[in-house]
Amino acid sequence: MTKPVWPLQSQCKAFYGDPTSVIRGAPAPNAEWERMHLVKVFIPWSAHASWDKDLRIRTLRVHSKCAASLERVLNAIWEAVGRDQNEIDRIGMSSVGGGHNWRLMRGGNALSTHSYGCAVDFDPERNGLGDNSPAMDKRVIKAFTDEGWVWGGQWKRPDGMHFQAARVD
């Protein structure tokens, strides 16, 4: 199988559609776009995945155009760790930072790739935005980059928890 070629960040609107509505003159999430384009991807280690210690999750909501790719990534990670929940916990993959979330980029006025449903975050506790030494496991990075996803841990302002199905302009 060939590696998917994702759009540039500046092309996300053309590729993924416009997730924005205007309500009372202000930008807001577009519920119709969400219904038409977002799907849930099962997390193989979901019995232990969580947003925080008390809230378990089983799926991530992402755009349908990158869902099959994300499913392959998550399954590749699960296989790479030998389907070992303790190893998933040790490398931080049971800590889920998020998928689709309509919002602006931090410190900017453009939509975040999370708004398009083409970005996910894992292990935010050890991989915070701006942390110059992200602790993301190499097997995780490889699984994502093998599918053409971009890892934020190598950016000028590192975002080690972040992976996106959009190339950087």
Protein backbone atom coordinates (compact mmCIF):
# COMPACT_ATOMS: atom_id res chain seq x y z
CA MET A 1 0.00 0.00 0.00
CA THR A 2 1.23 3.50 -0.81
CA LYS A 3 1.61 6.08 1.90
CA PRO A 4 -1.22 8.65 1.80
CA VAL A 5 -0.29 12.16 0.71
CA TRP A 6 -2.06 14.63 2.96
CA PRO A 7 -2.81 18.24 2.03
CA LEU A 8 -0.74 21.18 3.19
CA GLN A 9 -2.19 22.87 6.28
CA SER A 10 -3.18 25.82 4.07
CA GLN A 11 -5.20 23.39 1.89
CA CYS A 12 -7.15 21.73 4.73
CA LYS A 13 -10.34 23.67 4.02
CA ALA A 14 -10.31 22.62 0.35
CA PHE A 15 -9.46 18.98 1.18
CA TYR A 16 -11.49 18.37 4.34
CA GLY A 17 -14.27 20.94 3.89
CA ASP A 18 -15.18 23.96 5.99
CA PRO A 19 -15.94 23.05 9.62
CA THR A 20 -17.06 26.60 10.40
CA SER A 21 -20.50 28.20 10.63
CA VAL A 22 -21.26 31.82 11.32
CA ILE A 23 -23.71 32.28 14.17
CA ARG A 24 -24.78 35.79 15.10
CA GLY A 25 -21.83 37.15 13.15
CA ALA A 26 -19.22 35.03 14.92
CA PRO A 27 -17.42 31.86 13.73
CA ALA A 28 -18.63 28.66 15.36
CA PRO A 29 -18.49 24.89 14.79
CA ASN A 30 -20.59 23.65 11.88
CA ALA A 31 -22.81 20.84 13.20
CA GLU A 32 -23.89 19.75 9.70
CA TRP A 33 -20.26 19.46 8.56
CA GLU A 34 -19.51 17.39 11.69
CA ARG A 35 -22.42 15.01 10.96
CA MET A 36 -21.33 14.62 7.34
CA HIS A 37 -17.58 14.17 7.82
CA LEU A 38 -16.61 12.96 11.30
CA VAL A 39 -16.41 9.29 12.21
CA LYS A 40 -15.18 7.35 15.23
CA VAL A 41 -12.01 5.27 15.13
CA PHE A 42 -11.68 2.50 17.71
CA ILE A 43 -8.60 2.62 19.96
CA PRO A 44 -7.31 -1.00 20.24
CA TRP A 45 -6.22 -0.48 23.85
CA SER A 46 -9.42 1.42 24.65
CA ALA A 47 -10.20 -0.48 27.83
CA HIS A 48 -7.47 1.66 29.40
CA ALA A 49 -7.47 4.82 27.24
CA SER A 50 -8.60 8.02 28.94
CA TRP A 51 -8.80 11.80 28.76
CA ASP A 52 -8.02 11.83 32.45
CA LYS A 53 -7.80 9.17 35.14
CA ASP A 54 -11.60 8.97 35.57
CA LEU A 55 -12.95 9.19 32.02
CA ARG A 56 -12.32 6.17 29.80
CA ILE A 57 -12.77 6.47 26.04
CA ARG A 58 -13.03 3.84 23.31
CA THR A 59 -12.79 5.95 20.16
CA LEU A 60 -11.34 9.10 18.62
CA ARG A 61 -13.51 11.28 16.38
CA VAL A 62 -11.72 12.23 13.16
CA HIS A 63 -12.47 13.14 9.54
CA SER A 64 -13.60 10.21 7.39
CA LYS A 65 -10.76 10.94 4.91
CA CYS A 66 -8.07 10.07 7.47
CA ALA A 67 -9.98 7.51 9.57
CA ALA A 68 -8.72 4.37 7.81
CA SER A 69 -5.15 5.68 8.03
CA LEU A 70 -5.50 6.42 11.76
CA GLU A 71 -6.95 2.95 12.28
CA ARG A 72 -3.87 1.43 10.60
CA VAL A 73 -1.59 3.62 12.75
CA LEU A 74 -3.25 2.61 16.01
CA ASN A 75 -3.23 -1.08 15.06
CA ALA A 76 0.47 -0.83 14.07
CA ILE A 77 1.29 0.69 17.47
CA TRP A 78 -0.69 -2.02 19.26
CA GLU A 79 1.19 -4.71 17.31
CA ALA A 80 4.59 -2.97 17.80
CA VAL A 81 4.18 -3.20 21.58
CA GLY A 82 3.11 -6.86 21.39
CA ARG A 83 -0.49 -6.01 22.36
CA ASP A 84 0.87 -5.34 25.84
CA GLN A 85 -1.28 -2.93 27.84
CA ASN A 86 1.52 -2.34 30.35
CA GLU A 87 3.79 -1.19 27.52
CA ILE A 88 1.05 1.07 26.12
CA ASP A 89 0.70 2.61 29.58
CA ARG A 90 4.48 2.94 29.99
CA ILE A 91 4.92 4.82 26.69
CA GLY A 92 1.95 7.09 27.44
CA MET A 93 -0.41 5.97 24.67
CA SER A 94 -3.22 5.28 27.11
CA SER A 95 -3.30 9.02 27.80
CA VAL A 96 -5.35 10.53 24.99
CA GLY A 97 -5.20 14.29 24.48
CA GLY A 98 -7.86 14.48 21.79
CA GLY A 99 -9.02 14.26 18.20
CA HIS A 100 -11.54 16.59 16.59
CA ASN A 101 -11.96 19.86 18.48
CA TRP A 102 -13.13 23.02 16.71
CA ARG A 103 -10.71 25.77 17.75
CA LEU A 104 -8.04 28.17 16.55
CA MET A 105 -4.34 27.30 16.54
CA ARG A 106 -2.74 28.27 19.81
CA GLY A 107 -1.46 31.83 19.48
CA GLY A 108 -2.94 32.24 15.99
CA ASN A 109 -6.10 33.13 14.11
CA ALA A 110 -6.22 30.18 11.68
CA LEU A 111 -8.20 27.03 12.49
CA SER A 112 -6.27 24.26 14.20
CA THR A 113 -5.94 21.00 12.27
CA HIS A 114 -8.01 19.53 15.12
CA SER A 115 -10.93 21.58 13.76
CA TYR A 116 -10.78 19.61 10.50
CA GLY A 117 -10.65 16.29 12.36
CA CYS A 118 -7.22 15.50 10.95
CA ALA A 119 -5.15 15.73 14.14
CA VAL A 120 -4.80 13.68 17.31
CA ASP A 121 -2.87 14.14 20.56
CA PHE A 122 -1.39 11.46 22.81
CA ASP A 123 0.53 11.59 26.10
CA PRO A 124 0.04 15.32 26.74
CA GLU A 125 1.46 15.07 30.26
CA ARG A 126 4.97 14.31 28.93
CA ASN A 127 4.74 16.07 25.57
CA GLY A 128 3.40 19.56 26.19
CA LEU A 129 3.39 22.32 23.60
CA GLY A 130 6.77 24.06 23.71
CA ASP A 131 8.57 21.21 25.52
CA ASN A 132 11.94 21.00 23.75
CA SER A 133 12.49 17.35 24.72
CA PRO A 134 9.28 15.47 23.87
CA ALA A 135 9.07 11.93 25.22
CA MET A 136 7.12 10.28 22.37
CA ASP A 137 8.08 6.66 21.76
CA LYS A 138 9.90 6.01 18.46
CA ARG A 139 7.50 3.18 17.54
CA VAL A 140 4.59 5.61 17.79
CA ILE A 141 6.34 8.22 15.66
CA LYS A 142 7.20 5.57 13.04
CA ALA A 143 3.64 4.24 12.86
CA PHE A 144 2.30 7.74 12.20
CA THR A 145 5.02 8.85 9.77
CA ASP A 146 4.72 5.56 7.83
CA GLU A 147 1.17 6.75 7.07
CA GLY A 148 2.33 10.24 6.10
CA TRP A 149 1.17 11.93 9.31
CA VAL A 150 3.31 14.81 10.56
CA TRP A 151 4.67 14.73 14.12
CA GLY A 152 4.70 18.08 15.93
CA GLY A 153 7.67 17.12 18.09
CA GLN A 154 10.11 18.29 15.42
CA TRP A 155 8.64 21.76 14.93
CA LYS A 156 10.39 25.00 15.86
CA ARG A 157 7.94 25.22 18.76
CA PRO A 158 7.64 21.49 19.53
CA ASP A 159 4.25 19.91 20.12
CA GLY A 160 5.31 16.35 20.95
CA MET A 161 1.79 15.06 21.65
CA HIS A 162 0.48 16.13 18.23
CA PHE A 163 0.14 14.17 14.98
CA GLN A 164 -1.71 15.51 11.94
CA ALA A 165 -2.80 14.31 8.52
CA ALA A 166 -1.71 17.62 6.97
CA ARG A 167 1.73 18.63 5.79
CA VAL A 168 3.34 21.79 7.14
CA ASP A 169 3.43 24.78 4.77
